[in-house]
């Protein structure tokens, strides 16, 4: 590996989190001894995010700021990749703090041909029920890995069995540029697009994606009910864009969701008591699942309280995604 790295960080109104993110990144870079540049893409922020980064960085890393109107992370990352100058690129989000030894670990593995790495994400959940909920959701969805965290890898065939995302992702710049050029969304507005699953599935079809607890980071989730609801709706929209495709193992569930949810809505119009009953059932089922997996009482309570809210918001997001797909098809004649 050449000892140079570009960190591409898209930000949109994330000023409260950026000081800690930059501090952790600088510590990880120092230990790795990699010559590193930070390419910050300010995606239309109105809260002074770029100024926070400049102040926190204190010229400890070379900094390039790319400013653009809000276009979403797909276009922000693309702009950052085009501005990056080094062979290797770390995609890093503004809410994500690198753990200190992570870049050193990857630096030492790259010469063996292990060239693509997805971060092992720890969700902050210190008395934050929203963080606890997101953490449990991820760890149950990908139990095969989280029940036994280890250094491993996956390809396109096993893609949906492992956690992945572009919030902390390292790969050759050339490969990321190819993947960005091949990226396709079902939505015309890329701010609503799934900005990681299609891109990473394309990469997994060409290079194995590696995963390890030694290449790790911490993610700070939303901490208010309103932001949790908005994020859940967004996740439903991007979930449809990423998994409403036959190659996803979740595609049958996606296809089944729409007639089932439509039928439930029709029944609830005639019998409104169905709605609270369904909410209670969802909460109890989620709590039982979480408790059976050996989680804490706090995590179980978070699941009971938030699973019904998440189910409704996520479902609303999927219906919004279906409308966006229909709008694009009607407008262009293509999906």
Protein backbone atom coordinates (compact mmCIF):
# COMPACT_ATOMS: atom_id res chain seq x y z
CA UNK A 1 0.00 0.00 0.00
CA UNK A 2 1.24 3.47 -0.76
CA UNK A 3 1.28 5.41 2.48
CA UNK A 4 -1.19 8.03 1.32
CA UNK A 5 -4.90 8.18 2.02
CA UNK A 6 -7.78 10.46 1.11
CA UNK A 7 -10.68 10.70 3.55
CA UNK A 8 -13.90 11.75 1.80
CA UNK A 9 -16.44 13.14 4.26
CA UNK A 10 -19.84 14.48 3.09
CA UNK A 11 -21.60 16.69 5.63
CA UNK A 12 -25.01 18.29 5.78
CA UNK A 13 -25.79 20.27 8.94
CA UNK A 14 -23.75 18.06 11.25
CA UNK A 15 -21.82 20.72 13.16
CA UNK A 16 -22.55 19.30 16.68
CA UNK A 17 -20.82 16.01 15.87
CA UNK A 18 -17.85 17.07 13.76
CA UNK A 19 -15.34 18.06 16.44
CA UNK A 20 -15.35 14.56 17.92
CA UNK A 21 -15.28 12.98 14.46
CA UNK A 22 -12.22 14.98 13.42
CA UNK A 23 -10.44 14.40 16.73
CA UNK A 24 -10.89 10.62 16.39
CA UNK A 25 -9.81 10.67 12.73
CA UNK A 26 -6.61 12.60 13.51
CA UNK A 27 -5.73 10.12 16.30
CA UNK A 28 -6.25 7.15 13.98
CA UNK A 29 -4.18 8.78 11.21
CA UNK A 30 -1.33 9.61 13.59
CA UNK A 31 -1.04 6.05 14.81
CA UNK A 32 -1.13 4.67 11.27
CA UNK A 33 1.51 7.16 10.05
CA UNK A 34 -0.38 7.48 6.77
CA UNK A 35 0.00 10.74 4.89
CA UNK A 36 -3.63 11.79 4.79
CA UNK A 37 -5.75 14.46 3.19
CA UNK A 38 -9.33 15.22 4.19
CA UNK A 39 -11.76 16.07 1.40
CA UNK A 40 -14.78 17.65 3.04
CA UNK A 41 -17.87 17.95 0.86
CA UNK A 42 -20.21 20.55 2.34
CA UNK A 43 -23.53 19.49 0.84
CA UNK A 44 -25.41 22.74 1.33
CA UNK A 45 -25.01 23.02 5.13
CA UNK A 46 -26.46 26.08 6.82
CA UNK A 47 -24.97 25.49 10.30
CA UNK A 48 -21.31 26.24 9.62
CA UNK A 49 -20.26 22.58 9.42
CA UNK A 50 -17.19 23.37 7.29
CA UNK A 51 -16.00 26.00 9.79
CA UNK A 52 -16.28 23.49 12.63
CA UNK A 53 -14.09 21.07 10.69
CA UNK A 54 -11.49 23.75 9.94
CA UNK A 55 -11.32 24.72 13.61
CA UNK A 56 -11.13 21.13 14.85
CA UNK A 57 -8.52 20.13 12.30
CA UNK A 58 -6.09 22.90 13.27
CA UNK A 59 -4.08 22.17 10.10
CA UNK A 60 -3.20 18.68 11.37
CA UNK A 61 -4.25 17.22 8.00
CA UNK A 62 -4.33 18.65 4.51
CA UNK A 63 -7.88 19.91 3.91
CA UNK A 64 -9.84 20.42 0.71
CA UNK A 65 -13.38 21.77 1.00
CA UNK A 66 -15.83 21.15 -1.83
CA UNK A 67 -19.00 23.23 -1.44
CA UNK A 68 -22.19 22.44 -3.35
CA UNK A 69 -25.96 22.88 -3.05
CA UNK A 70 -27.72 20.06 -1.21
CA UNK A 71 -27.77 17.08 -3.59
CA UNK A 72 -27.56 14.17 -1.17
CA UNK A 73 -24.74 11.85 -0.14
CA UNK A 74 -24.57 10.03 -3.49
CA UNK A 75 -23.55 13.19 -5.32
CA UNK A 76 -21.52 14.51 -2.38
CA UNK A 77 -19.41 11.36 -2.25
CA UNK A 78 -18.99 11.41 -6.02
CA UNK A 79 -17.71 15.01 -5.82
CA UNK A 80 -15.35 14.04 -3.02
CA UNK A 81 -13.95 11.08 -4.96
CA UNK A 82 -13.30 13.29 -7.95
CA UNK A 83 -11.45 15.80 -5.78
CA UNK A 84 -9.41 13.16 -3.90
CA UNK A 85 -5.78 12.77 -4.96
CA UNK A 86 -4.59 9.55 -3.34
CA UNK A 87 -4.77 5.89 -4.33
CA UNK A 88 -6.75 4.81 -1.28
CA UNK A 89 -9.96 6.42 -0.06
CA UNK A 90 -11.77 6.17 3.25
CA UNK A 91 -15.43 7.15 3.03
CA UNK A 92 -16.36 8.53 6.44
CA UNK A 93 -19.57 10.15 7.64
CA UNK A 94 -19.80 13.14 9.95
CA UNK A 95 -21.36 11.17 12.83
CA UNK A 96 -18.73 8.41 12.73
CA UNK A 97 -15.65 8.32 14.97
CA UNK A 98 -12.79 6.06 13.94
CA UNK A 99 -11.29 3.88 16.66
CA UNK A 100 -7.62 4.61 17.07
CA UNK A 101 -6.03 1.39 15.81
CA UNK A 102 -8.35 0.87 12.86
CA UNK A 103 -6.28 2.46 10.08
CA UNK A 104 -3.12 0.76 11.34
CA UNK A 105 -4.87 -2.62 11.17
CA UNK A 106 -6.05 -2.07 7.60
CA UNK A 107 -2.71 -0.62 6.50
CA UNK A 108 -1.03 -3.87 7.53
CA UNK A 109 -3.61 -6.06 5.73
CA UNK A 110 -3.65 -4.30 2.36
CA UNK A 111 -0.34 -5.76 1.08
CA UNK A 112 -1.91 -9.23 1.31
CA UNK A 113 -4.51 -8.22 -1.28
CA UNK A 114 -7.28 -7.45 1.22
CA UNK A 115 -8.06 -4.15 -0.44
CA UNK A 116 -11.70 -3.40 0.45
CA UNK A 117 -12.82 -2.88 4.05
CA UNK A 118 -16.16 -2.13 5.67
CA UNK A 119 -16.08 -0.69 9.18
CA UNK A 120 -17.41 -2.63 12.15
CA UNK A 121 -19.89 -0.08 13.52
CA UNK A 122 -20.61 0.35 17.22
CA UNK A 123 -23.79 2.38 17.80
CA UNK A 124 -23.62 4.77 20.76
CA UNK A 125 -26.42 3.77 23.12
CA UNK A 126 -25.53 5.32 26.46
CA UNK A 127 -29.05 5.65 27.88
CA UNK A 128 -30.25 6.60 24.42
CA UNK A 129 -33.27 4.39 23.59
CA UNK A 130 -32.99 5.31 19.90
CA UNK A 131 -29.36 4.21 19.78
CA UNK A 132 -30.24 1.02 21.65
CA UNK A 133 -33.01 0.30 19.14
CA UNK A 134 -30.78 0.84 16.07
CA UNK A 135 -28.04 -1.28 17.61
CA UNK A 136 -30.35 -4.19 18.39
CA UNK A 137 -31.95 -3.96 14.94
CA UNK A 138 -28.56 -4.25 13.25
CA UNK A 139 -27.21 -7.00 15.47
CA UNK A 140 -30.29 -9.19 15.10
CA UNK A 141 -30.52 -8.61 11.34
CA UNK A 142 -26.91 -9.79 10.93
CA UNK A 143 -26.60 -12.24 13.80
CA UNK A 144 -24.26 -14.51 11.84
CA UNK A 145 -21.57 -11.86 12.22
CA UNK A 146 -22.47 -10.05 15.44
CA UNK A 147 -22.87 -13.25 17.46
CA UNK A 148 -19.26 -14.03 16.56
CA UNK A 149 -17.44 -10.84 15.50
CA UNK A 150 -14.31 -11.82 13.61
CA UNK A 151 -12.12 -10.89 10.67
CA UNK A 152 -13.94 -12.23 7.64
CA UNK A 153 -15.09 -11.25 4.16
CA UNK A 154 -18.06 -11.60 1.86
CA UNK A 155 -18.84 -11.46 -1.84
CA UNK A 156 -21.98 -10.86 -3.88
CA UNK A 157 -23.34 -14.31 -3.00
CA UNK A 158 -23.20 -13.70 0.74
CA UNK A 159 -23.71 -9.93 0.55
CA UNK A 160 -27.01 -9.77 2.44
CA UNK A 161 -25.72 -11.84 5.36
CA UNK A 162 -23.28 -9.23 6.65
CA UNK A 163 -23.53 -5.64 7.92
CA UNK A 164 -22.26 -3.04 5.54
CA UNK A 165 -22.46 0.65 4.75
CA UNK A 166 -20.54 3.57 3.33
CA UNK A 167 -20.32 5.48 6.62
CA UNK A 168 -16.90 3.91 7.20
CA UNK A 169 -15.60 2.18 4.09
CA UNK A 170 -12.08 1.94 2.64
CA UNK A 171 -11.20 0.91 -0.92
CA UNK A 172 -9.03 1.90 -3.88
CA UNK A 173 -10.14 5.22 -5.31
CA UNK A 174 -10.28 3.76 -8.83
CA UNK A 175 -12.71 1.04 -7.71
CA UNK A 176 -14.93 3.55 -5.91
CA UNK A 177 -15.02 5.80 -8.97
CA UNK A 178 -16.08 2.83 -11.13
CA UNK A 179 -18.78 1.91 -8.63
CA UNK A 180 -20.03 5.50 -8.50
CA UNK A 181 -20.22 5.61 -12.31
CA UNK A 182 -22.20 2.34 -12.35
CA UNK A 183 -24.57 3.46 -9.57
CA UNK A 184 -28.27 3.44 -10.46
CA UNK A 185 -31.26 4.45 -8.37
CA UNK A 186 -34.95 3.91 -8.86
CA UNK A 187 -35.49 7.55 -7.90
CA UNK A 188 -34.85 10.66 -9.95
CA UNK A 189 -34.07 12.65 -6.77
CA UNK A 190 -30.80 11.14 -5.54
CA UNK A 191 -31.28 12.73 -2.11
CA UNK A 192 -33.79 9.91 -1.52
CA UNK A 193 -31.61 7.16 -3.03
CA UNK A 194 -30.04 4.26 -1.19
CA UNK A 195 -26.47 5.51 -1.18
CA UNK A 196 -24.71 2.35 -0.06
CA UNK A 197 -26.38 -0.99 -0.87
CA UNK A 198 -26.35 -0.78 -4.71
CA UNK A 199 -22.83 0.66 -4.74
CA UNK A 200 -21.44 -1.94 -2.33
CA UNK A 201 -23.25 -4.83 -4.05
CA UNK A 202 -21.54 -3.76 -7.29
CA UNK A 203 -18.16 -3.77 -5.52
CA UNK A 204 -18.83 -7.16 -3.89
CA UNK A 205 -19.37 -8.61 -7.36
CA UNK A 206 -15.75 -7.70 -8.20
CA UNK A 207 -13.80 -7.69 -4.94
CA UNK A 208 -14.41 -9.38 -1.60
CA UNK A 209 -15.39 -6.91 1.10
CA UNK A 210 -13.56 -7.47 4.38
CA UNK A 211 -14.95 -6.88 7.85
CA UNK A 212 -13.27 -6.99 11.26
CA UNK A 213 -13.75 -5.78 14.84
CA UNK A 214 -10.23 -4.38 14.46
CA UNK A 215 -11.38 -1.93 11.77
CA UNK A 216 -14.02 -0.26 13.89
CA UNK A 217 -15.83 3.00 14.48
CA UNK A 218 -18.53 4.53 16.67
CA UNK A 219 -21.72 5.99 15.26
CA UNK A 220 -23.74 8.65 17.06
CA UNK A 221 -27.46 8.14 16.31
CA UNK A 222 -30.35 10.57 16.53
CA UNK A 223 -31.35 11.42 20.06
CA UNK A 224 -34.89 12.85 19.79
CA UNK A 225 -38.23 11.29 18.95
CA UNK A 226 -38.84 13.58 15.98
CA UNK A 227 -35.45 12.86 14.41
CA UNK A 228 -35.98 9.13 15.04
CA UNK A 229 -39.29 9.23 13.15
CA UNK A 230 -37.84 11.23 10.25
CA UNK A 231 -34.85 8.91 10.02
CA UNK A 232 -37.11 5.84 10.09
CA UNK A 233 -39.16 7.21 7.19
CA UNK A 234 -35.93 7.89 5.30
CA UNK A 235 -34.68 4.38 5.99
CA UNK A 236 -37.89 2.95 4.58
CA UNK A 237 -37.45 4.96 1.40
CA UNK A 238 -33.83 3.96 0.90
CA UNK A 239 -34.61 0.35 1.87
CA UNK A 240 -36.98 0.05 -1.07
CA UNK A 241 -34.40 1.56 -3.41
CA UNK A 242 -31.71 -0.82 -2.19
CA UNK A 243 -33.68 -4.04 -1.70
CA UNK A 244 -36.62 -3.71 -4.08
CA UNK A 245 -34.51 -5.64 -6.56
CA UNK A 246 -34.55 -9.39 -7.29
CA UNK A 247 -30.90 -9.86 -6.30
CA UNK A 248 -31.64 -8.94 -2.68
CA UNK A 249 -32.65 -11.66 -0.22
CA UNK A 250 -35.14 -9.13 1.18
CA UNK A 251 -36.94 -8.75 -2.16
CA UNK A 252 -39.75 -11.26 -1.37
CA UNK A 253 -40.50 -9.39 1.87
CA UNK A 254 -40.51 -6.08 0.00
CA UNK A 255 -42.93 -7.44 -2.60
CA UNK A 256 -45.20 -8.85 0.11
CA UNK A 257 -45.20 -5.66 2.18
CA UNK A 258 -47.33 -3.57 -0.18
CA UNK A 259 -50.41 -5.83 -0.52
CA UNK A 260 -50.29 -6.77 3.17
CA UNK A 261 -49.99 -3.17 4.39
CA UNK A 262 -52.69 -2.03 1.96
CA UNK A 263 -55.03 -4.77 3.24
CA UNK A 264 -54.27 -3.80 6.86
CA UNK A 265 -55.03 -0.16 6.10
CA UNK A 266 -58.34 -1.13 4.47
CA UNK A 267 -59.35 -3.26 7.46
CA UNK A 268 -58.39 -0.50 9.92
CA UNK A 269 -60.71 1.94 8.17
CA UNK A 270 -63.64 -0.30 9.06
CA UNK A 271 -62.28 -1.39 12.44
CA UNK A 272 -60.03 1.34 13.92
CA UNK A 273 -59.19 -0.83 16.94
CA UNK A 274 -57.00 -2.91 14.62
CA UNK A 275 -54.35 -0.16 14.63
CA UNK A 276 -53.55 -0.09 18.39
CA UNK A 277 -53.86 -3.87 18.54
CA UNK A 278 -51.32 -4.24 15.73
CA UNK A 279 -49.01 -1.75 17.47
CA UNK A 280 -49.15 -3.70 20.73
CA UNK A 281 -48.51 -6.96 18.89
CA UNK A 282 -45.49 -5.51 17.07
CA UNK A 283 -44.04 -4.11 20.30
CA UNK A 284 -44.49 -7.35 22.23
CA UNK A 285 -43.06 -9.45 19.39
CA UNK A 286 -40.03 -7.16 19.13
CA UNK A 287 -39.50 -7.24 22.89
CA UNK A 288 -39.72 -11.03 22.99
CA UNK A 289 -37.23 -11.33 20.13
CA UNK A 290 -34.76 -8.95 21.77
CA UNK A 291 -35.10 -10.56 25.21
CA UNK A 292 -34.59 -14.03 23.71
CA UNK A 293 -31.32 -12.86 22.18
CA UNK A 294 -29.97 -12.09 25.65
CA UNK A 295 -30.12 -8.29 25.47
CA UNK A 296 -30.43 -5.98 28.44
CA UNK A 297 -33.70 -4.85 29.96
CA UNK A 298 -33.05 -1.34 28.61
CA UNK A 299 -32.61 -2.64 25.05
CA UNK A 300 -35.71 -4.80 25.40
CA UNK A 301 -37.79 -1.87 26.65
CA UNK A 302 -36.48 0.32 23.81
CA UNK A 303 -37.58 -2.31 21.29
CA UNK A 304 -41.04 -2.64 22.83
CA UNK A 305 -41.59 1.12 22.80
CA UNK A 306 -40.05 2.00 19.43
CA UNK A 307 -40.75 -1.01 17.18
CA UNK A 308 -44.38 0.05 16.47
CA UNK A 309 -43.25 3.61 15.67
CA UNK A 310 -40.46 2.32 13.47
CA UNK A 311 -42.78 -0.10 11.66
CA UNK A 312 -45.24 2.67 10.76
CA UNK A 313 -42.55 5.20 9.79
CA UNK A 314 -40.48 2.69 7.83
CA UNK A 315 -43.61 1.50 6.04
CA UNK A 316 -44.56 5.07 5.19
CA UNK A 317 -41.08 5.53 3.77
CA UNK A 318 -41.47 2.46 1.56
CA UNK A 319 -44.77 3.77 0.22
CA UNK A 320 -43.10 7.11 -0.46
CA UNK A 321 -40.37 5.23 -2.30
CA UNK A 322 -42.94 3.42 -4.42
CA UNK A 323 -44.47 6.78 -5.34
CA UNK A 324 -41.02 8.11 -6.28
CA UNK A 325 -40.39 5.08 -8.49
CA UNK A 326 -43.77 5.51 -10.19
CA UNK A 327 -43.12 9.19 -10.72
CA UNK A 328 -39.80 8.48 -12.37
CA UNK A 329 -41.30 5.78 -14.57
CA UNK A 330 -44.14 8.03 -15.66
CA UNK A 331 -41.76 10.90 -16.27
CA UNK A 332 -39.07 9.06 -18.25
CA UNK A 333 -40.59 5.77 -19.31
CA UNK A 334 -37.79 4.02 -17.43
CA UNK A 335 -37.33 2.77 -13.84
